[in-house]
mmCIF file of all heavy atoms, coordinates in Angstrom:
data_MODEL
# 
_entry.id   MODEL 
# 
loop_
_atom_site.group_PDB 
_atom_site.id 
_atom_site.type_symbol 
_atom_site.label_atom_id 
_atom_site.label_alt_id 
_atom_site.label_comp_id 
_atom_site.label_asym_id 
_atom_site.label_entity_id 
_atom_site.label_seq_id 
_atom_site.pdbx_PDB_ins_code 
_atom_site.Cartn_x 
_atom_site.Cartn_y 
_atom_site.Cartn_z 
_atom_site.occupancy 
_atom_site.B_iso_or_equiv 
_atom_site.pdbx_formal_charge 
_atom_site.auth_seq_id 
_atom_site.auth_comp_id 
_atom_site.auth_asym_id 
_atom_site.auth_atom_id 
_atom_site.pdbx_PDB_model_num 
ATOM 1   N N   . GLU A 1 1  ? 0.818  -1.111 -0.055 1.00 0.00 ? 1  GLU A N   1 
ATOM 2   C CA  . GLU A 1 1  ? -0.034 -0.023 0.021  1.00 0.00 ? 1  GLU A CA  1 
ATOM 3   C C   . GLU A 1 1  ? 0.884  1.239  0.002  1.00 0.00 ? 1  GLU A C   1 
ATOM 4   O O   . GLU A 1 1  ? 1.474  1.720  1.060  1.00 0.00 ? 1  GLU A O   1 
ATOM 5   C CB  . GLU A 1 1  ? -0.842 -0.008 1.252  1.00 0.00 ? 1  GLU A CB  1 
ATOM 6   C CG  . GLU A 1 1  ? -1.878 -1.102 1.332  1.00 0.00 ? 1  GLU A CG  1 
ATOM 7   C CD  . GLU A 1 1  ? -3.012 -1.050 0.338  1.00 0.00 ? 1  GLU A CD  1 
ATOM 8   O OE1 . GLU A 1 1  ? -3.314 -0.006 -0.202 1.00 0.00 ? 1  GLU A OE1 1 
ATOM 9   O OE2 . GLU A 1 1  ? -3.559 -2.112 0.001  1.00 0.00 ? 1  GLU A OE2 1 
ATOM 10  N N   . PRO A 1 2  ? 1.219  1.804  -1.164 1.00 0.00 ? 2  PRO A N   1 
ATOM 11  C CA  . PRO A 1 2  ? 2.175  2.933  -1.251 1.00 0.00 ? 2  PRO A CA  1 
ATOM 12  C C   . PRO A 1 2  ? 1.912  4.071  -0.357 1.00 0.00 ? 2  PRO A C   1 
ATOM 13  O O   . PRO A 1 2  ? 2.864  4.591  0.268  1.00 0.00 ? 2  PRO A O   1 
ATOM 14  C CB  . PRO A 1 2  ? 2.023  3.368  -2.698 1.00 0.00 ? 2  PRO A CB  1 
ATOM 15  C CG  . PRO A 1 2  ? 1.619  2.119  -3.436 1.00 0.00 ? 2  PRO A CG  1 
ATOM 16  C CD  . PRO A 1 2  ? 0.645  1.490  -2.528 1.00 0.00 ? 2  PRO A CD  1 
ATOM 17  N N   . GLU A 1 3  ? 0.605  4.546  -0.223 1.00 0.00 ? 3  GLU A N   1 
ATOM 18  C CA  . GLU A 1 3  ? 0.285  5.655  0.608  1.00 0.00 ? 3  GLU A CA  1 
ATOM 19  C C   . GLU A 1 3  ? 0.667  5.335  2.092  1.00 0.00 ? 3  GLU A C   1 
ATOM 20  O O   . GLU A 1 3  ? 1.218  6.189  2.840  1.00 0.00 ? 3  GLU A O   1 
ATOM 21  C CB  . GLU A 1 3  ? -1.067 6.085  0.540  1.00 0.00 ? 3  GLU A CB  1 
ATOM 22  C CG  . GLU A 1 3  ? -1.449 7.319  1.438  1.00 0.00 ? 3  GLU A CG  1 
ATOM 23  C CD  . GLU A 1 3  ? -2.847 7.770  1.336  1.00 0.00 ? 3  GLU A CD  1 
ATOM 24  O OE1 . GLU A 1 3  ? -3.618 7.219  0.546  1.00 0.00 ? 3  GLU A OE1 1 
ATOM 25  O OE2 . GLU A 1 3  ? -3.136 8.806  1.998  1.00 0.00 ? 3  GLU A OE2 1 
ATOM 26  N N   . ILE A 1 4  ? 0.317  4.139  2.573  1.00 0.00 ? 4  ILE A N   1 
ATOM 27  C CA  . ILE A 1 4  ? 0.569  3.750  4.060  1.00 0.00 ? 4  ILE A CA  1 
ATOM 28  C C   . ILE A 1 4  ? 2.071  3.604  4.157  1.00 0.00 ? 4  ILE A C   1 
ATOM 29  O O   . ILE A 1 4  ? 2.561  4.165  5.007  1.00 0.00 ? 4  ILE A O   1 
ATOM 30  C CB  . ILE A 1 4  ? -0.108 2.357  4.216  1.00 0.00 ? 4  ILE A CB  1 
ATOM 31  C CG1 . ILE A 1 4  ? -1.626 2.486  4.119  1.00 0.00 ? 4  ILE A CG1 1 
ATOM 32  C CG2 . ILE A 1 4  ? 0.328  1.926  5.687  1.00 0.00 ? 4  ILE A CG2 1 
ATOM 33  C CD1 . ILE A 1 4  ? -2.338 3.462  5.027  1.00 0.00 ? 4  ILE A CD1 1 
ATOM 34  N N   . HIS A 1 5  ? 2.768  2.945  3.308  1.00 0.00 ? 5  HIS A N   1 
ATOM 35  C CA  . HIS A 1 5  ? 4.172  2.717  3.272  1.00 0.00 ? 5  HIS A CA  1 
ATOM 36  C C   . HIS A 1 5  ? 4.979  4.058  3.451  1.00 0.00 ? 5  HIS A C   1 
ATOM 37  O O   . HIS A 1 5  ? 5.653  4.274  4.506  1.00 0.00 ? 5  HIS A O   1 
ATOM 38  C CB  . HIS A 1 5  ? 4.603  1.980  2.108  1.00 0.00 ? 5  HIS A CB  1 
ATOM 39  C CG  . HIS A 1 5  ? 6.077  1.648  2.236  1.00 0.00 ? 5  HIS A CG  1 
ATOM 40  N ND1 . HIS A 1 5  ? 6.752  0.796  3.022  1.00 0.00 ? 5  HIS A ND1 1 
ATOM 41  C CD2 . HIS A 1 5  ? 7.105  2.232  1.414  1.00 0.00 ? 5  HIS A CD2 1 
ATOM 42  C CE1 . HIS A 1 5  ? 8.001  0.746  2.797  1.00 0.00 ? 5  HIS A CE1 1 
ATOM 43  N NE2 . HIS A 1 5  ? 8.286  1.712  1.906  1.00 0.00 ? 5  HIS A NE2 1 
ATOM 44  N N   . HIS A 1 6  ? 4.721  4.887  2.522  1.00 0.00 ? 6  HIS A N   1 
ATOM 45  C CA  . HIS A 1 6  ? 5.527  6.164  2.501  1.00 0.00 ? 6  HIS A CA  1 
ATOM 46  C C   . HIS A 1 6  ? 5.148  7.228  3.571  1.00 0.00 ? 6  HIS A C   1 
ATOM 47  O O   . HIS A 1 6  ? 6.003  7.645  4.134  1.00 0.00 ? 6  HIS A O   1 
ATOM 48  C CB  . HIS A 1 6  ? 5.372  6.845  0.983  1.00 0.00 ? 6  HIS A CB  1 
ATOM 49  C CG  . HIS A 1 6  ? 6.126  5.913  0.010  1.00 0.00 ? 6  HIS A CG  1 
ATOM 50  N ND1 . HIS A 1 6  ? 7.389  5.674  -0.080 1.00 0.00 ? 6  HIS A ND1 1 
ATOM 51  C CD2 . HIS A 1 6  ? 5.460  5.270  -1.006 1.00 0.00 ? 6  HIS A CD2 1 
ATOM 52  C CE1 . HIS A 1 6  ? 7.567  4.854  -1.084 1.00 0.00 ? 6  HIS A CE1 1 
ATOM 53  N NE2 . HIS A 1 6  ? 6.467  4.582  -1.667 1.00 0.00 ? 6  HIS A NE2 1 
ATOM 54  N N   . VAL A 1 7  ? 3.923  7.381  3.738  1.00 0.00 ? 7  VAL A N   1 
ATOM 55  C CA  . VAL A 1 7  ? 3.527  8.313  4.746  1.00 0.00 ? 7  VAL A CA  1 
ATOM 56  C C   . VAL A 1 7  ? 3.930  7.880  6.166  1.00 0.00 ? 7  VAL A C   1 
ATOM 57  O O   . VAL A 1 7  ? 4.454  8.625  6.951  1.00 0.00 ? 7  VAL A O   1 
ATOM 58  C CB  . VAL A 1 7  ? 1.979  8.696  4.720  1.00 0.00 ? 7  VAL A CB  1 
ATOM 59  C CG1 . VAL A 1 7  ? 1.572  9.528  5.892  1.00 0.00 ? 7  VAL A CG1 1 
ATOM 60  C CG2 . VAL A 1 7  ? 1.564  9.254  3.436  1.00 0.00 ? 7  VAL A CG2 1 
ATOM 61  N N   . ALA A 1 8  ? 3.748  6.524  6.405  1.00 0.00 ? 8  ALA A N   1 
ATOM 62  C CA  . ALA A 1 8  ? 4.180  6.033  7.781  1.00 0.00 ? 8  ALA A CA  1 
ATOM 63  C C   . ALA A 1 8  ? 5.710  6.191  7.963  1.00 0.00 ? 8  ALA A C   1 
ATOM 64  O O   . ALA A 1 8  ? 6.060  6.521  9.104  1.00 0.00 ? 8  ALA A O   1 
ATOM 65  C CB  . ALA A 1 8  ? 3.771  4.532  7.875  1.00 0.00 ? 8  ALA A CB  1 
ATOM 66  N N   . LEU A 1 9  ? 6.495  6.023  6.972  1.00 0.00 ? 9  LEU A N   1 
ATOM 67  C CA  . LEU A 1 9  ? 7.964  6.217  7.142  1.00 0.00 ? 9  LEU A CA  1 
ATOM 68  C C   . LEU A 1 9  ? 8.218  7.699  7.368  1.00 0.00 ? 9  LEU A C   1 
ATOM 69  O O   . LEU A 1 9  ? 9.071  7.995  8.265  1.00 0.00 ? 9  LEU A O   1 
ATOM 70  C CB  . LEU A 1 9  ? 8.600  5.721  5.866  1.00 0.00 ? 9  LEU A CB  1 
ATOM 71  C CG  . LEU A 1 9  ? 8.712  4.176  5.623  1.00 0.00 ? 9  LEU A CG  1 
ATOM 72  C CD1 . LEU A 1 9  ? 9.400  3.815  4.331  1.00 0.00 ? 9  LEU A CD1 1 
ATOM 73  C CD2 . LEU A 1 9  ? 9.436  3.464  6.826  1.00 0.00 ? 9  LEU A CD2 1 
ATOM 74  N N   . ASP A 1 10 ? 7.551  8.567  6.765  1.00 0.00 ? 10 ASP A N   1 
ATOM 75  C CA  . ASP A 1 10 ? 7.675  9.967  7.056  1.00 0.00 ? 10 ASP A CA  1 
ATOM 76  C C   . ASP A 1 10 ? 7.356  10.386 8.421  1.00 0.00 ? 10 ASP A C   1 
ATOM 77  O O   . ASP A 1 10 ? 8.048  11.023 9.131  1.00 0.00 ? 10 ASP A O   1 
ATOM 78  C CB  . ASP A 1 10 ? 6.923  10.902 6.006  1.00 0.00 ? 10 ASP A CB  1 
ATOM 79  C CG  . ASP A 1 10 ? 7.384  10.900 4.610  1.00 0.00 ? 10 ASP A CG  1 
ATOM 80  O OD1 . ASP A 1 10 ? 8.595  10.447 4.395  1.00 0.00 ? 10 ASP A OD1 1 
ATOM 81  O OD2 . ASP A 1 10 ? 6.716  11.274 3.686  1.00 0.00 ? 10 ASP A OD2 1 
ATOM 82  N N   . LEU A 1 11 ? 6.161  9.757  8.841  1.00 0.00 ? 11 LEU A N   1 
ATOM 83  C CA  . LEU A 1 11 ? 5.769  10.059 10.210 1.00 0.00 ? 11 LEU A CA  1 
ATOM 84  C C   . LEU A 1 11 ? 6.680  9.468  11.225 1.00 0.00 ? 11 LEU A C   1 
ATOM 85  O O   . LEU A 1 11 ? 6.868  10.084 12.270 1.00 0.00 ? 11 LEU A O   1 
ATOM 86  C CB  . LEU A 1 11 ? 4.369  9.601  10.408 1.00 0.00 ? 11 LEU A CB  1 
ATOM 87  C CG  . LEU A 1 11 ? 3.300  10.156 9.605  1.00 0.00 ? 11 LEU A CG  1 
ATOM 88  C CD1 . LEU A 1 11 ? 1.852  9.589  9.843  1.00 0.00 ? 11 LEU A CD1 1 
ATOM 89  C CD2 . LEU A 1 11 ? 3.151  11.717 9.629  1.00 0.00 ? 11 LEU A CD2 1 
ATOM 90  N N   . ALA A 1 12 ? 7.177  8.348  10.893 1.00 0.00 ? 12 ALA A N   1 
ATOM 91  C CA  . ALA A 1 12 ? 8.316  7.755  11.843 1.00 0.00 ? 12 ALA A CA  1 
ATOM 92  C C   . ALA A 1 12 ? 9.402  8.597  12.084 1.00 0.00 ? 12 ALA A C   1 
ATOM 93  O O   . ALA A 1 12 ? 10.117 8.788  13.149 1.00 0.00 ? 12 ALA A O   1 
ATOM 94  C CB  . ALA A 1 12 ? 8.663  6.394  11.293 1.00 0.00 ? 12 ALA A CB  1 
ATOM 95  N N   . GLY A 1 13 ? 9.787  9.286  10.942 1.00 0.00 ? 13 GLY A N   1 
ATOM 96  C CA  . GLY A 1 13 ? 10.905 10.268 10.972 1.00 0.00 ? 13 GLY A CA  1 
ATOM 97  C C   . GLY A 1 13 ? 10.699 11.401 11.937 1.00 0.00 ? 13 GLY A C   1 
ATOM 98  O O   . GLY A 1 13 ? 11.533 11.783 12.659 1.00 0.00 ? 13 GLY A O   1 
ATOM 99  N N   . TRP A 1 14 ? 9.349  11.820 11.904 1.00 0.00 ? 14 TRP A N   1 
ATOM 100 C CA  . TRP A 1 14 ? 8.975  12.908 12.804 1.00 0.00 ? 14 TRP A CA  1 
ATOM 101 C C   . TRP A 1 14 ? 9.152  12.463 14.311 1.00 0.00 ? 14 TRP A C   1 
ATOM 102 O O   . TRP A 1 14 ? 9.733  13.219 15.089 1.00 0.00 ? 14 TRP A O   1 
ATOM 103 C CB  . TRP A 1 14 ? 7.568  13.304 12.614 1.00 0.00 ? 14 TRP A CB  1 
ATOM 104 C CG  . TRP A 1 14 ? 7.274  13.960 11.322 1.00 0.00 ? 14 TRP A CG  1 
ATOM 105 C CD1 . TRP A 1 14 ? 8.129  14.308 10.305 1.00 0.00 ? 14 TRP A CD1 1 
ATOM 106 C CD2 . TRP A 1 14 ? 5.979  14.429 10.839 1.00 0.00 ? 14 TRP A CD2 1 
ATOM 107 N NE1 . TRP A 1 14 ? 7.534  14.881 9.307  1.00 0.00 ? 14 TRP A NE1 1 
ATOM 108 C CE2 . TRP A 1 14 ? 6.037  14.918 9.594  1.00 0.00 ? 14 TRP A CE2 1 
ATOM 109 C CE3 . TRP A 1 14 ? 4.680  14.371 11.418 1.00 0.00 ? 14 TRP A CE3 1 
ATOM 110 C CZ2 . TRP A 1 14 ? 5.027  15.433 8.884  1.00 0.00 ? 14 TRP A CZ2 1 
ATOM 111 C CZ3 . TRP A 1 14 ? 3.624  14.856 10.642 1.00 0.00 ? 14 TRP A CZ3 1 
ATOM 112 C CH2 . TRP A 1 14 ? 3.859  15.382 9.396  1.00 0.00 ? 14 TRP A CH2 1 
ATOM 113 N N   . SER A 1 15 ? 8.686  11.281 14.538 1.00 0.00 ? 15 SER A N   1 
ATOM 114 C CA  . SER A 1 15 ? 8.878  10.753 15.898 1.00 0.00 ? 15 SER A CA  1 
ATOM 115 C C   . SER A 1 15 ? 10.305 10.534 16.355 1.00 0.00 ? 15 SER A C   1 
ATOM 116 O O   . SER A 1 15 ? 10.717 10.820 17.478 1.00 0.00 ? 15 SER A O   1 
ATOM 117 C CB  . SER A 1 15 ? 8.070  9.456  16.198 1.00 0.00 ? 15 SER A CB  1 
ATOM 118 O OG  . SER A 1 15 ? 6.688  9.795  16.316 1.00 0.00 ? 15 SER A OG  1 
ATOM 119 N N   . ARG A 1 16 ? 11.164 10.120 15.401 1.00 0.00 ? 16 ARG A N   1 
ATOM 120 C CA  . ARG A 1 16 ? 12.605 9.922  15.736 1.00 0.00 ? 16 ARG A CA  1 
ATOM 121 C C   . ARG A 1 16 ? 13.178 11.313 16.003 1.00 0.00 ? 16 ARG A C   1 
ATOM 122 O O   . ARG A 1 16 ? 14.085 11.449 16.888 1.00 0.00 ? 16 ARG A O   1 
ATOM 123 C CB  . ARG A 1 16 ? 13.259 9.274  14.557 1.00 0.00 ? 16 ARG A CB  1 
ATOM 124 C CG  . ARG A 1 16 ? 13.124 7.765  14.573 1.00 0.00 ? 16 ARG A CG  1 
ATOM 125 C CD  . ARG A 1 16 ? 14.101 7.002  13.486 1.00 0.00 ? 16 ARG A CD  1 
ATOM 126 N NE  . ARG A 1 16 ? 13.771 7.408  12.183 1.00 0.00 ? 16 ARG A NE  1 
ATOM 127 C CZ  . ARG A 1 16 ? 12.811 6.876  11.336 1.00 0.00 ? 16 ARG A CZ  1 
ATOM 128 N NH1 . ARG A 1 16 ? 12.078 5.941  11.928 1.00 0.00 ? 16 ARG A NH1 1 
ATOM 129 N NH2 . ARG A 1 16 ? 12.698 7.359  10.208 1.00 0.00 ? 16 ARG A NH2 1 
ATOM 130 N N   . GLU A 1 17 ? 12.769 12.283 15.136 1.00 0.00 ? 17 GLU A N   1 
ATOM 131 C CA  . GLU A 1 17 ? 13.320 13.702 15.376 1.00 0.00 ? 17 GLU A CA  1 
ATOM 132 C C   . GLU A 1 17 ? 12.913 14.185 16.878 1.00 0.00 ? 17 GLU A C   1 
ATOM 133 O O   . GLU A 1 17 ? 13.714 14.751 17.595 1.00 0.00 ? 17 GLU A O   1 
ATOM 134 C CB  . GLU A 1 17 ? 12.915 14.584 14.456 1.00 0.00 ? 17 GLU A CB  1 
ATOM 135 C CG  . GLU A 1 17 ? 13.252 16.092 14.591 1.00 0.00 ? 17 GLU A CG  1 
ATOM 136 C CD  . GLU A 1 17 ? 12.687 17.051 13.626 1.00 0.00 ? 17 GLU A CD  1 
ATOM 137 O OE1 . GLU A 1 17 ? 12.253 16.633 12.508 1.00 0.00 ? 17 GLU A OE1 1 
ATOM 138 O OE2 . GLU A 1 17 ? 12.630 18.212 13.948 1.00 0.00 ? 17 GLU A OE2 1 
ATOM 139 N N   . HIS A 1 18 ? 11.629 13.910 17.179 1.00 0.00 ? 18 HIS A N   1 
ATOM 140 C CA  . HIS A 1 18 ? 11.079 14.353 18.531 1.00 0.00 ? 18 HIS A CA  1 
ATOM 141 C C   . HIS A 1 18 ? 11.993 13.637 19.598 1.00 0.00 ? 18 HIS A C   1 
ATOM 142 O O   . HIS A 1 18 ? 12.255 14.293 20.617 1.00 0.00 ? 18 HIS A O   1 
ATOM 143 C CB  . HIS A 1 18 ? 9.641  13.963 18.606 1.00 0.00 ? 18 HIS A CB  1 
ATOM 144 C CG  . HIS A 1 18 ? 8.538  14.700 17.691 1.00 0.00 ? 18 HIS A CG  1 
ATOM 145 N ND1 . HIS A 1 18 ? 7.439  14.323 17.663 1.00 0.00 ? 18 HIS A ND1 1 
ATOM 146 C CD2 . HIS A 1 18 ? 8.894  15.777 16.959 1.00 0.00 ? 18 HIS A CD2 1 
ATOM 147 C CE1 . HIS A 1 18 ? 6.796  15.138 16.805 1.00 0.00 ? 18 HIS A CE1 1 
ATOM 148 N NE2 . HIS A 1 18 ? 7.688  16.038 16.303 1.00 0.00 ? 18 HIS A NE2 1 
ATOM 149 N N   . ALA A 1 19 ? 12.319 12.302 19.527 1.00 0.00 ? 19 ALA A N   1 
ATOM 150 C CA  . ALA A 1 19 ? 12.944 11.568 20.487 1.00 0.00 ? 19 ALA A CA  1 
ATOM 151 C C   . ALA A 1 19 ? 14.365 12.230 20.643 1.00 0.00 ? 19 ALA A C   1 
ATOM 152 O O   . ALA A 1 19 ? 14.845 12.316 21.756 1.00 0.00 ? 19 ALA A O   1 
ATOM 153 C CB  . ALA A 1 19 ? 13.028 10.172 20.176 1.00 0.00 ? 19 ALA A CB  1 
ATOM 154 N N   . GLN A 1 20 ? 14.944 12.494 19.437 1.00 0.00 ? 20 GLN A N   1 
ATOM 155 C CA  . GLN A 1 20 ? 16.256 13.172 19.552 1.00 0.00 ? 20 GLN A CA  1 
ATOM 156 C C   . GLN A 1 20 ? 16.303 14.507 20.258 1.00 0.00 ? 20 GLN A C   1 
ATOM 157 O O   . GLN A 1 20 ? 17.109 14.926 21.074 1.00 0.00 ? 20 GLN A O   1 
ATOM 158 C CB  . GLN A 1 20 ? 16.924 13.398 18.159 1.00 0.00 ? 20 GLN A CB  1 
ATOM 159 C CG  . GLN A 1 20 ? 18.337 13.841 18.114 1.00 0.00 ? 20 GLN A CG  1 
ATOM 160 C CD  . GLN A 1 20 ? 19.274 12.970 18.945 1.00 0.00 ? 20 GLN A CD  1 
ATOM 161 O OE1 . GLN A 1 20 ? 19.399 11.811 18.705 1.00 0.00 ? 20 GLN A OE1 1 
ATOM 162 N NE2 . GLN A 1 20 ? 19.954 13.624 19.924 1.00 0.00 ? 20 GLN A NE2 1 
ATOM 163 N N   . ARG A 1 21 ? 15.265 15.336 19.979 1.00 0.00 ? 21 ARG A N   1 
ATOM 164 C CA  . ARG A 1 21 ? 15.184 16.681 20.599 1.00 0.00 ? 21 ARG A CA  1 
ATOM 165 C C   . ARG A 1 21 ? 14.843 16.510 22.070 1.00 0.00 ? 21 ARG A C   1 
ATOM 166 O O   . ARG A 1 21 ? 15.418 17.219 22.948 1.00 0.00 ? 21 ARG A O   1 
ATOM 167 C CB  . ARG A 1 21 ? 14.047 17.508 19.886 1.00 0.00 ? 21 ARG A CB  1 
ATOM 168 C CG  . ARG A 1 21 ? 14.476 17.885 18.418 1.00 0.00 ? 21 ARG A CG  1 
ATOM 169 C CD  . ARG A 1 21 ? 13.523 18.788 17.773 1.00 0.00 ? 21 ARG A CD  1 
ATOM 170 N NE  . ARG A 1 21 ? 13.431 20.017 18.482 1.00 0.00 ? 21 ARG A NE  1 
ATOM 171 C CZ  . ARG A 1 21 ? 12.418 20.843 18.185 1.00 0.00 ? 21 ARG A CZ  1 
ATOM 172 N NH1 . ARG A 1 21 ? 11.603 20.744 17.271 1.00 0.00 ? 21 ARG A NH1 1 
ATOM 173 N NH2 . ARG A 1 21 ? 12.432 22.010 18.864 1.00 0.00 ? 21 ARG A NH2 1 
ATOM 174 N N   . LEU A 1 22 ? 14.056 15.504 22.454 1.00 0.00 ? 22 LEU A N   1 
ATOM 175 C CA  . LEU A 1 22 ? 13.761 15.213 23.786 1.00 0.00 ? 22 LEU A CA  1 
ATOM 176 C C   . LEU A 1 22 ? 15.096 14.827 24.586 1.00 0.00 ? 22 LEU A C   1 
ATOM 177 O O   . LEU A 1 22 ? 15.372 15.202 25.661 1.00 0.00 ? 22 LEU A O   1 
ATOM 178 C CB  . LEU A 1 22 ? 12.639 14.245 24.060 1.00 0.00 ? 22 LEU A CB  1 
ATOM 179 C CG  . LEU A 1 22 ? 11.239 14.669 23.777 1.00 0.00 ? 22 LEU A CG  1 
ATOM 180 C CD1 . LEU A 1 22 ? 10.351 13.497 23.358 1.00 0.00 ? 22 LEU A CD1 1 
ATOM 181 C CD2 . LEU A 1 22 ? 10.742 15.464 24.873 1.00 0.00 ? 22 LEU A CD2 1 
ATOM 182 N N   . SER A 1 23 ? 15.831 13.924 23.878 1.00 0.00 ? 23 SER A N   1 
ATOM 183 C CA  . SER A 1 23 ? 17.172 13.510 24.516 1.00 0.00 ? 23 SER A CA  1 
ATOM 184 C C   . SER A 1 23 ? 18.053 14.721 24.674 1.00 0.00 ? 23 SER A C   1 
ATOM 185 O O   . SER A 1 23 ? 18.683 14.854 25.776 1.00 0.00 ? 23 SER A O   1 
ATOM 186 C CB  . SER A 1 23 ? 17.770 12.475 23.545 1.00 0.00 ? 23 SER A CB  1 
ATOM 187 O OG  . SER A 1 23 ? 18.938 12.022 24.140 1.00 0.00 ? 23 SER A OG  1 
ATOM 188 N N   . ASP A 1 24 ? 18.176 15.619 23.729 1.00 0.00 ? 24 ASP A N   1 
ATOM 189 C CA  . ASP A 1 24 ? 19.002 16.787 23.915 1.00 0.00 ? 24 ASP A CA  1 
ATOM 190 C C   . ASP A 1 24 ? 18.557 17.670 25.039 1.00 0.00 ? 24 ASP A C   1 
ATOM 191 O O   . ASP A 1 24 ? 19.307 18.182 25.706 1.00 0.00 ? 24 ASP A O   1 
ATOM 192 C CB  . ASP A 1 24 ? 19.148 17.537 22.619 1.00 0.00 ? 24 ASP A CB  1 
ATOM 193 C CG  . ASP A 1 24 ? 19.579 16.781 21.400 1.00 0.00 ? 24 ASP A CG  1 
ATOM 194 O OD1 . ASP A 1 24 ? 20.342 15.798 21.633 1.00 0.00 ? 24 ASP A OD1 1 
ATOM 195 O OD2 . ASP A 1 24 ? 19.445 17.211 20.216 1.00 0.00 ? 24 ASP A OD2 1 
# 
């Protein structure tokens, strides 16, 4: 499901960025 696949990966990147900013 291309929409699910690509959007979910983008959203995962947002959460990884949030986790990094929280760690900092």
